Amino acid sequence: MSSPTLTNTDTGLNGAWVVQSAPTVTLTDAQIKALPTTPITLLAAPASGTRIRCFGATLIGQFAAGAYTNINTTYAALAVSNAAAVLWFLTPAANDATVNGASRASDFLGSAAHHVLDLSPSVDSPNTGASSAIAYVMPEIMDVSALDAQAITLTMDNNGSGVLTGGNAANSLKVILYYSVETL
């Protein structure tokens, strides 16, 4: 079965581009538990002078056999990032005590259920304050050196709490990445 593609033939966009889905990566229970210390490569680095532009990722968690524990409740982030885990390419599923109700890492991994989590492109949102009626999203300005020839990985920052516990050998996590390759 081939990967689905969406092709744009408008040559005004620096040539044609293609949105692709990377081969599905399926993590085992042991790999899920080790995510805070061992990133999983979703897509190998492209050639120098190019970057992978991520449009989204679908995470399908089959955790019905057992929920994960030892997820830091103050801060934890399940993210699609570069190999060094210093740049997020998609908005992470995060526990963040500074944001009311933000416990997406715990909600996803910490529940004994079959879940789907869609990650969208990463953007910065300004702190508009409680009294502000205007909200908007600011685009990110990124240094080319952080993008050039970078592999795409699934990582987890667990705020120093170490690897995950709990789970079950029957659990799995499928990751489907949607992307294109661009010349820098």
N, C-alpha and C. Protein backbone atom coordinates (compact mmCIF):
# COMPACT_ATOMS: atom_id res chain seq x y z
N MET A 1 0.85 -1.18 0.00
CA MET A 1 0.00 0.00 0.00
C MET A 1 0.89 1.23 0.00
N SER A 2 0.68 2.14 -0.92
CA SER A 2 1.52 3.33 -1.00
C SER A 2 0.99 4.43 -0.09
N SER A 3 1.89 5.38 0.24
CA SER A 3 1.52 6.50 1.09
C SER A 3 0.61 7.45 0.32
N PRO A 4 -0.43 8.00 0.98
CA PRO A 4 -1.26 8.99 0.30
C PRO A 4 -0.48 10.27 0.10
N THR A 5 -0.73 10.96 -1.02
CA THR A 5 -0.03 12.21 -1.28
C THR A 5 -1.02 13.27 -1.74
N LEU A 6 -0.68 14.52 -1.50
CA LEU A 6 -1.41 15.66 -2.00
C LEU A 6 -0.40 16.49 -2.75
N THR A 7 -0.60 16.69 -4.03
CA THR A 7 0.40 17.37 -4.84
C THR A 7 -0.09 18.74 -5.27
N ASN A 8 0.77 19.74 -5.17
CA ASN A 8 0.49 21.09 -5.66
C ASN A 8 1.40 21.32 -6.85
N THR A 9 0.83 21.66 -7.98
CA THR A 9 1.65 21.89 -9.17
C THR A 9 1.87 23.37 -9.44
N ASP A 10 1.54 24.23 -8.49
CA ASP A 10 1.76 25.66 -8.64
C ASP A 10 3.25 25.94 -8.52
N THR A 11 3.91 26.26 -9.64
CA THR A 11 5.35 26.46 -9.63
C THR A 11 5.74 27.78 -9.00
N GLY A 12 4.78 28.60 -8.62
CA GLY A 12 5.08 29.84 -7.90
C GLY A 12 5.49 29.58 -6.46
N LEU A 13 5.40 28.35 -6.01
CA LEU A 13 5.76 27.99 -4.64
C LEU A 13 7.11 27.27 -4.61
N ASN A 14 8.07 27.78 -5.39
CA ASN A 14 9.40 27.18 -5.45
C ASN A 14 9.32 25.74 -5.95
N GLY A 15 8.52 25.54 -6.99
CA GLY A 15 8.36 24.19 -7.53
C GLY A 15 7.20 23.49 -6.86
N ALA A 16 6.97 22.27 -7.26
CA ALA A 16 5.87 21.49 -6.71
C ALA A 16 6.22 20.98 -5.32
N TRP A 17 5.23 20.79 -4.49
CA TRP A 17 5.43 20.19 -3.18
C TRP A 17 4.45 19.05 -2.99
N VAL A 18 4.82 18.14 -2.14
CA VAL A 18 4.01 16.96 -1.90
C VAL A 18 3.89 16.74 -0.40
N VAL A 19 2.66 16.62 0.09
CA VAL A 19 2.44 16.24 1.49
C VAL A 19 2.40 14.72 1.51
N GLN A 20 3.23 14.14 2.35
CA GLN A 20 3.36 12.69 2.43
C GLN A 20 3.09 12.22 3.85
N SER A 21 2.84 10.95 3.99
CA SER A 21 2.81 10.38 5.33
C SER A 21 4.00 9.42 5.41
N ALA A 22 4.74 9.56 6.50
CA ALA A 22 5.88 8.67 6.72
C ALA A 22 5.34 7.28 7.05
N PRO A 23 6.14 6.25 6.86
CA PRO A 23 5.69 4.92 7.29
C PRO A 23 5.30 4.95 8.77
N THR A 24 4.21 4.28 9.10
CA THR A 24 3.74 4.24 10.49
C THR A 24 4.81 3.60 11.37
N VAL A 25 5.10 4.26 12.48
CA VAL A 25 6.03 3.73 13.47
C VAL A 25 5.19 3.23 14.64
N THR A 26 5.40 1.99 15.04
CA THR A 26 4.66 1.42 16.16
C THR A 26 5.62 1.16 17.32
N LEU A 27 5.37 1.82 18.45
CA LEU A 27 6.19 1.67 19.63
C LEU A 27 5.63 0.56 20.52
N THR A 28 6.53 -0.18 21.12
CA THR A 28 6.16 -1.21 22.09
C THR A 28 5.99 -0.58 23.46
N ASP A 29 5.49 -1.34 24.38
CA ASP A 29 5.36 -0.89 25.77
C ASP A 29 6.72 -0.42 26.32
N ALA A 30 7.77 -1.17 26.06
CA ALA A 30 9.10 -0.80 26.56
C ALA A 30 9.57 0.52 25.94
N GLN A 31 9.30 0.74 24.67
CA GLN A 31 9.71 1.99 24.02
C GLN A 31 8.89 3.17 24.55
N ILE A 32 7.62 2.96 24.83
CA ILE A 32 6.78 4.02 25.39
C ILE A 32 7.33 4.43 26.76
N LYS A 33 7.62 3.44 27.61
CA LYS A 33 8.15 3.74 28.94
C LYS A 33 9.48 4.49 28.87
N ALA A 34 10.30 4.18 27.87
CA ALA A 34 11.63 4.79 27.76
C ALA A 34 11.63 6.14 27.03
N LEU A 35 10.50 6.61 26.53
CA LEU A 35 10.48 7.86 25.77
C LEU A 35 11.16 9.03 26.48
N PRO A 36 11.05 9.19 27.80
CA PRO A 36 11.73 10.31 28.44
C PRO A 36 13.27 10.27 28.30
N THR A 37 13.83 9.12 28.00
CA THR A 37 15.29 9.02 27.87
C THR A 37 15.74 8.57 26.49
N THR A 38 14.82 8.01 25.69
CA THR A 38 15.20 7.44 24.40
C THR A 38 14.22 7.87 23.32
N PRO A 39 14.54 8.95 22.57
CA PRO A 39 13.66 9.38 21.48
C PRO A 39 13.55 8.30 20.40
N ILE A 40 12.45 8.31 19.68
CA ILE A 40 12.21 7.36 18.59
C ILE A 40 12.22 8.15 17.28
N THR A 41 13.05 7.73 16.33
CA THR A 41 13.11 8.39 15.03
C THR A 41 11.87 8.04 14.22
N LEU A 42 11.17 9.09 13.77
CA LEU A 42 9.99 8.92 12.93
C LEU A 42 10.34 9.03 11.45
N LEU A 43 11.35 9.86 11.16
CA LEU A 43 11.77 10.09 9.78
C LEU A 43 13.23 10.50 9.78
N ALA A 44 14.03 9.83 8.98
CA ALA A 44 15.47 10.11 8.91
C ALA A 44 15.72 11.51 8.37
N ALA A 45 16.88 12.04 8.68
CA ALA A 45 17.26 13.38 8.22
C ALA A 45 17.34 13.43 6.70
N PRO A 46 16.86 14.51 6.09
CA PRO A 46 16.98 14.67 4.64
C PRO A 46 18.38 15.20 4.30
N ALA A 47 18.62 15.42 3.04
CA ALA A 47 19.92 15.93 2.60
C ALA A 47 20.19 17.33 3.15
N SER A 48 21.46 17.67 3.24
CA SER A 48 21.85 19.01 3.67
C SER A 48 21.23 20.05 2.73
N GLY A 49 20.81 21.16 3.30
CA GLY A 49 20.18 22.21 2.51
C GLY A 49 18.68 22.02 2.35
N THR A 50 18.12 21.02 3.04
CA THR A 50 16.68 20.79 3.02
C THR A 50 16.17 20.61 4.45
N ARG A 51 14.87 20.75 4.59
CA ARG A 51 14.25 20.51 5.89
C ARG A 51 12.98 19.72 5.71
N ILE A 52 12.58 19.07 6.77
CA ILE A 52 11.28 18.39 6.80
C ILE A 52 10.31 19.37 7.46
N ARG A 53 9.24 19.68 6.76
CA ARG A 53 8.21 20.54 7.32
C ARG A 53 7.06 19.65 7.76
N CYS A 54 6.79 19.65 9.04
CA CYS A 54 5.74 18.80 9.60
C CYS A 54 4.39 19.51 9.54
N PHE A 55 3.39 18.80 9.06
CA PHE A 55 2.04 19.35 8.98
C PHE A 55 1.13 18.77 10.06
N GLY A 56 1.52 17.67 10.63
CA GLY A 56 0.72 17.05 11.67
C GLY A 56 1.18 15.64 11.94
N ALA A 57 0.68 15.10 13.01
CA ALA A 57 0.95 13.70 13.36
C ALA A 57 -0.28 13.15 14.07
N THR A 58 -0.54 11.89 13.82
CA THR A 58 -1.61 11.18 14.51
C THR A 58 -0.96 10.13 15.40
N LEU A 59 -1.28 10.15 16.68
CA LEU A 59 -0.81 9.16 17.63
C LEU A 59 -2.00 8.30 18.03
N ILE A 60 -1.87 7.00 17.84
CA ILE A 60 -2.95 6.09 18.19
C ILE A 60 -2.44 5.20 19.32
N GLY A 61 -2.93 5.48 20.51
CA GLY A 61 -2.48 4.75 21.69
C GLY A 61 -3.43 3.64 22.06
N GLN A 62 -2.92 2.42 22.11
CA GLN A 62 -3.70 1.27 22.56
C GLN A 62 -3.19 0.91 23.96
N PHE A 63 -3.77 1.56 24.97
CA PHE A 63 -3.31 1.42 26.35
C PHE A 63 -4.33 0.71 27.23
N ALA A 64 -5.31 0.04 26.63
CA ALA A 64 -6.40 -0.59 27.39
C ALA A 64 -5.89 -1.62 28.39
N ALA A 65 -4.72 -2.20 28.13
CA ALA A 65 -4.18 -3.22 29.03
C ALA A 65 -3.56 -2.61 30.28
N GLY A 66 -3.30 -1.29 30.28
CA GLY A 66 -2.72 -0.66 31.47
C GLY A 66 -2.25 0.75 31.20
N ALA A 67 -2.63 1.69 32.05
CA ALA A 67 -2.23 3.09 31.93
C ALA A 67 -0.78 3.27 32.37
N TYR A 68 -0.15 4.34 31.91
CA TYR A 68 1.23 4.67 32.31
C TYR A 68 1.21 5.60 33.51
N THR A 69 2.21 5.44 34.34
CA THR A 69 2.36 6.26 35.54
C THR A 69 3.74 6.90 35.53
N ASN A 70 4.03 7.65 36.57
CA ASN A 70 5.26 8.42 36.70
C ASN A 70 5.36 9.52 35.64
N ILE A 71 4.21 10.06 35.24
CA ILE A 71 4.17 11.20 34.33
C ILE A 71 4.16 12.45 35.21
N ASN A 72 5.15 13.32 35.04
CA ASN A 72 5.27 14.50 35.88
C ASN A 72 4.03 15.39 35.70
N THR A 73 3.35 15.69 36.81
CA THR A 73 2.11 16.47 36.72
C THR A 73 2.37 17.96 36.59
N THR A 74 3.55 18.44 37.00
CA THR A 74 3.87 19.85 36.87
C THR A 74 4.23 20.19 35.43
N TYR A 75 5.05 19.34 34.81
CA TYR A 75 5.40 19.56 33.41
C TYR A 75 5.86 18.25 32.78
N ALA A 76 5.26 17.90 31.68
CA ALA A 76 5.67 16.79 30.83
C ALA A 76 5.19 17.12 29.43
N ALA A 77 5.97 16.76 28.41
CA ALA A 77 5.57 17.07 27.03
C ALA A 77 5.92 15.91 26.11
N LEU A 78 4.93 15.37 25.45
CA LEU A 78 5.09 14.36 24.42
C LEU A 78 5.12 15.13 23.11
N ALA A 79 6.28 15.11 22.41
CA ALA A 79 6.46 16.03 21.30
C ALA A 79 7.12 15.39 20.08
N VAL A 80 6.83 15.96 18.93
CA VAL A 80 7.53 15.66 17.68
C VAL A 80 8.56 16.77 17.53
N SER A 81 9.84 16.39 17.52
CA SER A 81 10.90 17.39 17.54
C SER A 81 12.09 16.96 16.70
N ASN A 82 13.12 17.82 16.70
CA ASN A 82 14.37 17.41 16.03
C ASN A 82 15.10 16.44 16.94
N ALA A 83 16.14 15.82 16.41
CA ALA A 83 16.85 14.75 17.14
C ALA A 83 17.41 15.23 18.48
N ALA A 84 17.80 16.48 18.56
CA ALA A 84 18.35 17.02 19.80
C ALA A 84 17.25 17.42 20.79
N ALA A 85 16.00 17.31 20.36
CA ALA A 85 14.83 17.65 21.19
C ALA A 85 14.85 19.09 21.67
N VAL A 86 15.41 19.98 20.86
CA VAL A 86 15.45 21.40 21.25
C VAL A 86 14.45 22.23 20.44
N LEU A 87 13.82 21.65 19.43
CA LEU A 87 12.88 22.38 18.61
C LEU A 87 11.66 21.51 18.35
N TRP A 88 10.48 21.96 18.79
CA TRP A 88 9.26 21.24 18.52
C TRP A 88 8.79 21.57 17.12
N PHE A 89 8.39 20.55 16.35
CA PHE A 89 7.83 20.77 15.03
C PHE A 89 6.32 20.76 15.04
N LEU A 90 5.74 20.20 16.07
CA LEU A 90 4.29 20.18 16.24
C LEU A 90 3.98 20.53 17.69
N THR A 91 2.80 21.08 17.94
CA THR A 91 2.41 21.42 19.31
C THR A 91 2.36 20.14 20.13
N PRO A 92 3.07 20.10 21.26
CA PRO A 92 3.12 18.87 22.05
C PRO A 92 1.85 18.63 22.87
N ALA A 93 1.68 17.39 23.28
CA ALA A 93 0.68 17.05 24.28
C ALA A 93 1.40 17.26 25.60
N ALA A 94 0.99 18.27 26.36
CA ALA A 94 1.78 18.67 27.53
C ALA A 94 0.96 18.75 28.80
N ASN A 95 1.62 18.40 29.91
CA ASN A 95 1.15 18.78 31.24
C ASN A 95 1.89 20.07 31.53
N ASP A 96 1.19 21.11 31.88
CA ASP A 96 1.84 22.38 32.19
C ASP A 96 1.05 23.06 33.29
N ALA A 97 1.61 23.08 34.50
CA ALA A 97 0.91 23.64 35.66
C ALA A 97 0.63 25.13 35.51
N THR A 98 1.32 25.82 34.56
CA THR A 98 1.09 27.25 34.37
C THR A 98 -0.13 27.52 33.50
N VAL A 99 -0.70 26.49 32.88
CA VAL A 99 -1.88 26.64 32.02
C VAL A 99 -3.02 25.85 32.65
N ASN A 100 -4.12 26.51 32.93
CA ASN A 100 -5.26 25.84 33.57
C ASN A 100 -5.74 24.66 32.73
N GLY A 101 -5.84 23.52 33.36
CA GLY A 101 -6.40 22.35 32.71
C GLY A 101 -5.49 21.67 31.71
N ALA A 102 -4.26 22.11 31.56
CA ALA A 102 -3.37 21.49 30.56
C ALA A 102 -2.72 20.25 31.16
N SER A 103 -3.26 19.10 30.86
CA SER A 103 -2.69 17.84 31.33
C SER A 103 -2.79 16.81 30.22
N ARG A 104 -2.52 17.20 29.01
CA ARG A 104 -2.71 16.33 27.86
C ARG A 104 -1.78 15.13 27.86
N ALA A 105 -0.57 15.24 28.34
CA ALA A 105 0.32 14.07 28.39
C ALA A 105 -0.26 13.02 29.33
N SER A 106 -0.73 13.45 30.50
CA SER A 106 -1.36 12.52 31.45
C SER A 106 -2.68 11.98 30.93
N ASP A 107 -3.47 12.85 30.29
CA ASP A 107 -4.76 12.40 29.75
C ASP A 107 -4.57 11.31 28.70
N PHE A 108 -3.54 11.45 27.87
CA PHE A 108 -3.31 10.49 26.80
C PHE A 108 -2.65 9.22 27.30
N LEU A 109 -1.50 9.35 27.95
CA LEU A 109 -0.73 8.18 28.39
C LEU A 109 -1.24 7.58 29.70
N GLY A 110 -1.86 8.38 30.52
CA GLY A 110 -2.25 7.94 31.86
C GLY A 110 -3.64 7.37 31.97
N SER A 111 -4.22 6.99 30.86
CA SER A 111 -5.56 6.42 30.87
C SER A 111 -5.53 5.06 30.19
N ALA A 112 -6.14 4.07 30.82
CA ALA A 112 -6.19 2.72 30.25
C ALA A 112 -7.31 2.69 29.22
N ALA A 113 -6.98 3.15 28.00
CA ALA A 113 -7.99 3.25 26.95
C ALA A 113 -7.32 3.20 25.58
N HIS A 114 -8.13 3.19 24.55
CA HIS A 114 -7.68 3.25 23.16
C HIS A 114 -7.97 4.68 22.70
N HIS A 115 -6.92 5.50 22.50
CA HIS A 115 -7.06 6.92 22.19
C HIS A 115 -6.44 7.28 20.85
N VAL A 116 -6.92 8.37 20.28
CA VAL A 116 -6.28 9.01 19.13
C VAL A 116 -5.95 10.43 19.55
N LEU A 117 -4.72 10.86 19.26
CA LEU A 117 -4.27 12.22 19.57
C LEU A 117 -3.70 12.81 18.30
N ASP A 118 -4.27 13.94 17.85
CA ASP A 118 -3.77 14.63 16.66
C ASP A 118 -2.93 15.82 17.10
N LEU A 119 -1.68 15.86 16.63
CA LEU A 119 -0.79 16.98 16.92
C LEU A 119 -0.77 17.89 15.70
N SER A 120 -0.87 19.19 15.92
CA SER A 120 -0.90 20.16 14.83
C SER A 120 0.39 20.98 14.83
N PRO A 121 0.62 21.77 13.76
CA PRO A 121 1.85 22.56 13.71
C PRO A 121 2.04 23.43 14.94
N SER A 122 3.30 23.58 15.34
CA SER A 122 3.65 24.35 16.53
C SER A 122 3.64 25.84 16.21
N VAL A 123 2.96 26.61 17.05
CA VAL A 123 2.92 28.06 16.93
C VAL A 123 3.02 28.66 18.32
N ASP A 124 3.46 29.89 18.40
CA ASP A 124 3.50 30.60 19.67
C ASP A 124 2.20 31.36 19.84
N SER A 125 1.67 31.35 21.03
CA SER A 125 0.48 32.11 21.33
C SER A 125 0.83 33.10 22.43
N PRO A 126 0.62 34.38 22.20
CA PRO A 126 1.00 35.36 23.22
C PRO A 126 0.14 35.25 24.46
N ASN A 127 0.68 35.65 25.59
CA ASN A 127 -0.07 35.68 26.84
C ASN A 127 -0.94 36.91 26.80
N THR A 128 -2.24 36.72 26.55
CA THR A 128 -3.14 37.85 26.41
C THR A 128 -3.76 38.28 27.73
N GLY A 129 -3.55 37.52 28.79
CA GLY A 129 -4.10 37.89 30.09
C GLY A 129 -5.58 37.58 30.19
N ALA A 130 -6.06 37.48 31.42
CA ALA A 130 -7.44 37.09 31.66
C ALA A 130 -8.44 38.14 31.17
N SER A 131 -8.05 39.42 31.15
CA SER A 131 -9.00 40.46 30.78
C SER A 131 -9.03 40.76 29.29
N SER A 132 -8.15 40.16 28.54
CA SER A 132 -8.09 40.46 27.11
C SER A 132 -9.17 39.71 26.35
N ALA A 133 -9.81 40.41 25.41
CA ALA A 133 -10.82 39.78 24.58
C ALA A 133 -10.25 39.36 23.23
N ILE A 134 -8.99 39.71 22.96
CA ILE A 134 -8.38 39.40 21.67
C ILE A 134 -7.36 38.29 21.85
N ALA A 135 -7.45 37.28 21.03
CA ALA A 135 -6.48 36.19 21.04
C ALA A 135 -6.04 35.96 19.60
N TYR A 136 -4.78 35.71 19.40
CA TYR A 136 -4.26 35.45 18.07
C TYR A 136 -3.06 34.54 18.18
N VAL A 137 -2.65 34.00 17.06
CA VAL A 137 -1.52 33.09 17.03
C VAL A 137 -0.41 33.74 16.22
N MET A 138 0.79 33.75 16.78
CA MET A 138 1.93 34.35 16.10
C MET A 138 2.73 33.25 15.40
N PRO A 139 3.18 33.51 14.17
CA PRO A 139 4.03 32.52 13.50
C PRO A 139 5.40 32.46 14.14
N GLU A 140 6.03 31.31 14.05
CA GLU A 140 7.37 31.14 14.59
C GLU A 140 8.42 31.56 13.57
N ILE A 141 9.48 32.22 14.03
CA ILE A 141 10.65 32.51 13.21
C ILE A 141 11.72 31.56 13.70
N MET A 142 12.21 30.71 12.79
CA MET A 142 13.15 29.67 13.19
C MET A 142 14.49 29.85 12.49
N ASP A 143 15.56 29.56 13.20
CA ASP A 143 16.92 29.61 12.65
C ASP A 143 17.11 28.42 11.71
N VAL A 144 17.60 28.69 10.51
CA VAL A 144 17.79 27.64 9.51
C VAL A 144 18.68 26.52 10.05
N SER A 145 19.68 26.86 10.86
CA SER A 145 20.59 25.82 11.37
C SER A 145 19.87 24.79 12.23
N ALA A 146 18.75 25.18 12.84
CA ALA A 146 17.98 24.23 13.65
C ALA A 146 17.09 23.34 12.80
N LEU A 147 16.95 23.68 11.52
CA LEU A 147 16.05 22.94 10.62
C LEU A 147 16.80 22.11 9.59
N ASP A 148 17.99 22.56 9.20
CA ASP A 148 18.73 21.94 8.10
C ASP A 148 19.09 20.50 8.40
N ALA A 149 18.66 19.60 7.53
CA ALA A 149 19.02 18.18 7.58
C ALA A 149 18.76 17.54 8.95
N GLN A 150 17.60 17.82 9.53
CA GLN A 150 17.25 17.28 10.85
C GLN A 150 16.30 16.10 10.73
N ALA A 151 16.59 15.04 11.45
CA ALA A 151 15.66 13.92 11.57
C ALA A 151 14.48 14.36 12.43
N ILE A 152 13.37 13.69 12.30
CA ILE A 152 12.18 13.98 13.09
C ILE A 152 11.99 12.84 14.09
N THR A 153 11.84 13.19 15.36
CA THR A 153 11.73 12.18 16.41
C THR A 153 10.49 12.41 17.27
N LEU A 154 10.08 11.36 17.95
CA LEU A 154 9.08 11.46 19.00
C LEU A 154 9.85 11.46 20.31
N THR A 155 9.65 12.49 21.12
CA THR A 155 10.37 12.62 22.38
C THR A 155 9.38 12.86 23.52
N MET A 156 9.88 12.73 24.73
CA MET A 156 9.08 13.09 25.89
C MET A 156 9.97 13.72 26.94
N ASP A 157 9.65 14.96 27.29
CA ASP A 157 10.29 15.63 28.41
C ASP A 157 9.44 15.32 29.63
N ASN A 158 10.02 14.64 30.60
CA ASN A 158 9.27 14.27 31.81
C ASN A 158 9.77 15.06 33.02
N ASN A 159 10.36 16.22 32.77
CA ASN A 159 10.77 17.17 33.81
C ASN A 159 11.65 16.51 34.87
N GLY A 160 12.55 15.62 34.45
CA GLY A 160 13.47 14.98 35.38
C GLY A 160 12.90 13.82 36.17
N SER A 161 11.68 13.42 35.88
CA SER A 161 11.05 12.34 36.64
C SER A 161 11.43 10.95 36.16
N GLY A 162 12.23 10.86 35.11
CA GLY A 162 12.68 9.55 34.62
C GLY A 162 11.69 8.88 33.71
N VAL A 163 11.91 7.59 33.51
CA VAL A 163 11.09 6.82 32.59
C VAL A 163 9.69 6.61 33.14
N LEU A 164 8.77 6.24 32.26
CA LEU A 164 7.40 5.95 32.68
C LEU A 164 7.34 4.57 33.31
N THR A 165 6.35 4.37 34.13
CA THR A 165 6.10 3.07 34.75
C THR A 165 4.68 2.66 34.40
N GLY A 166 4.22 1.55 34.93
CA GLY A 166 2.88 1.07 34.64
C GLY A 166 2.84 0.46 33.24
N GLY A 167 1.77 0.73 32.51
CA GLY A 167 1.63 0.18 31.18
C GLY A 167 1.40 -1.31 31.22
N ASN A 168 1.63 -1.95 30.06
CA ASN A 168 1.44 -3.38 29.94
C ASN A 168 2.08 -3.82 28.63
N ALA A 169 2.64 -5.02 28.61
CA ALA A 169 3.30 -5.53 27.41
C ALA A 169 2.38 -5.57 26.19
N ALA A 170 1.07 -5.57 26.39
CA ALA A 170 0.12 -5.59 25.27
C ALA A 170 -0.13 -4.19 24.69
N ASN A 171 0.36 -3.15 25.35
CA ASN A 171 0.15 -1.78 24.87
C ASN A 171 1.01 -1.47 23.65
N SER A 172 0.54 -0.52 22.84
CA SER A 172 1.32 -0.04 21.70
C SER A 172 0.93 1.40 21.40
N LEU A 173 1.79 2.08 20.67
CA LEU A 173 1.56 3.45 20.25
C LEU A 173 1.97 3.57 18.79
N LYS A 174 1.00 3.82 17.90
CA LYS A 174 1.29 4.03 16.48
C LYS A 174 1.42 5.53 16.23
N VAL A 175 2.42 5.91 15.42
CA VAL A 175 2.63 7.31 15.08
C VAL A 175 2.68 7.45 13.57
N ILE A 176 1.84 8.33 13.04
CA ILE A 176 1.82 8.62 11.61
C ILE A 176 2.15 10.10 11.46
N LEU A 177 3.22 10.40 10.72
CA LEU A 177 3.70 11.77 10.52
C LEU A 177 3.35 12.23 9.12
N TYR A 178 2.81 13.45 9.00
CA TYR A 178 2.50 14.06 7.72
C TYR A 178 3.47 15.21 7.49
N TYR A 179 4.14 15.22 6.33
CA TYR A 179 5.25 16.15 6.13
C TYR A 179 5.50 16.43 4.64
N SER A 180 6.36 17.39 4.38
CA SER A 180 6.94 17.60 3.05
C SER A 180 8.41 17.94 3.27
N VAL A 181 9.20 17.84 2.21
CA VAL A 181 10.61 18.21 2.27
C VAL A 181 10.78 19.48 1.45
N GLU A 182 11.42 20.49 2.04
CA GLU A 182 11.61 21.79 1.40
C GLU A 182 13.10 22.11 1.28
N THR A 183 13.44 22.81 0.22
CA THR A 183 14.80 23.31 0.05
C THR A 183 14.95 24.59 0.84
N LEU A 184 16.04 24.70 1.59
CA LEU A 184 16.28 25.92 2.39
C LEU A 184 17.04 26.95 1.59
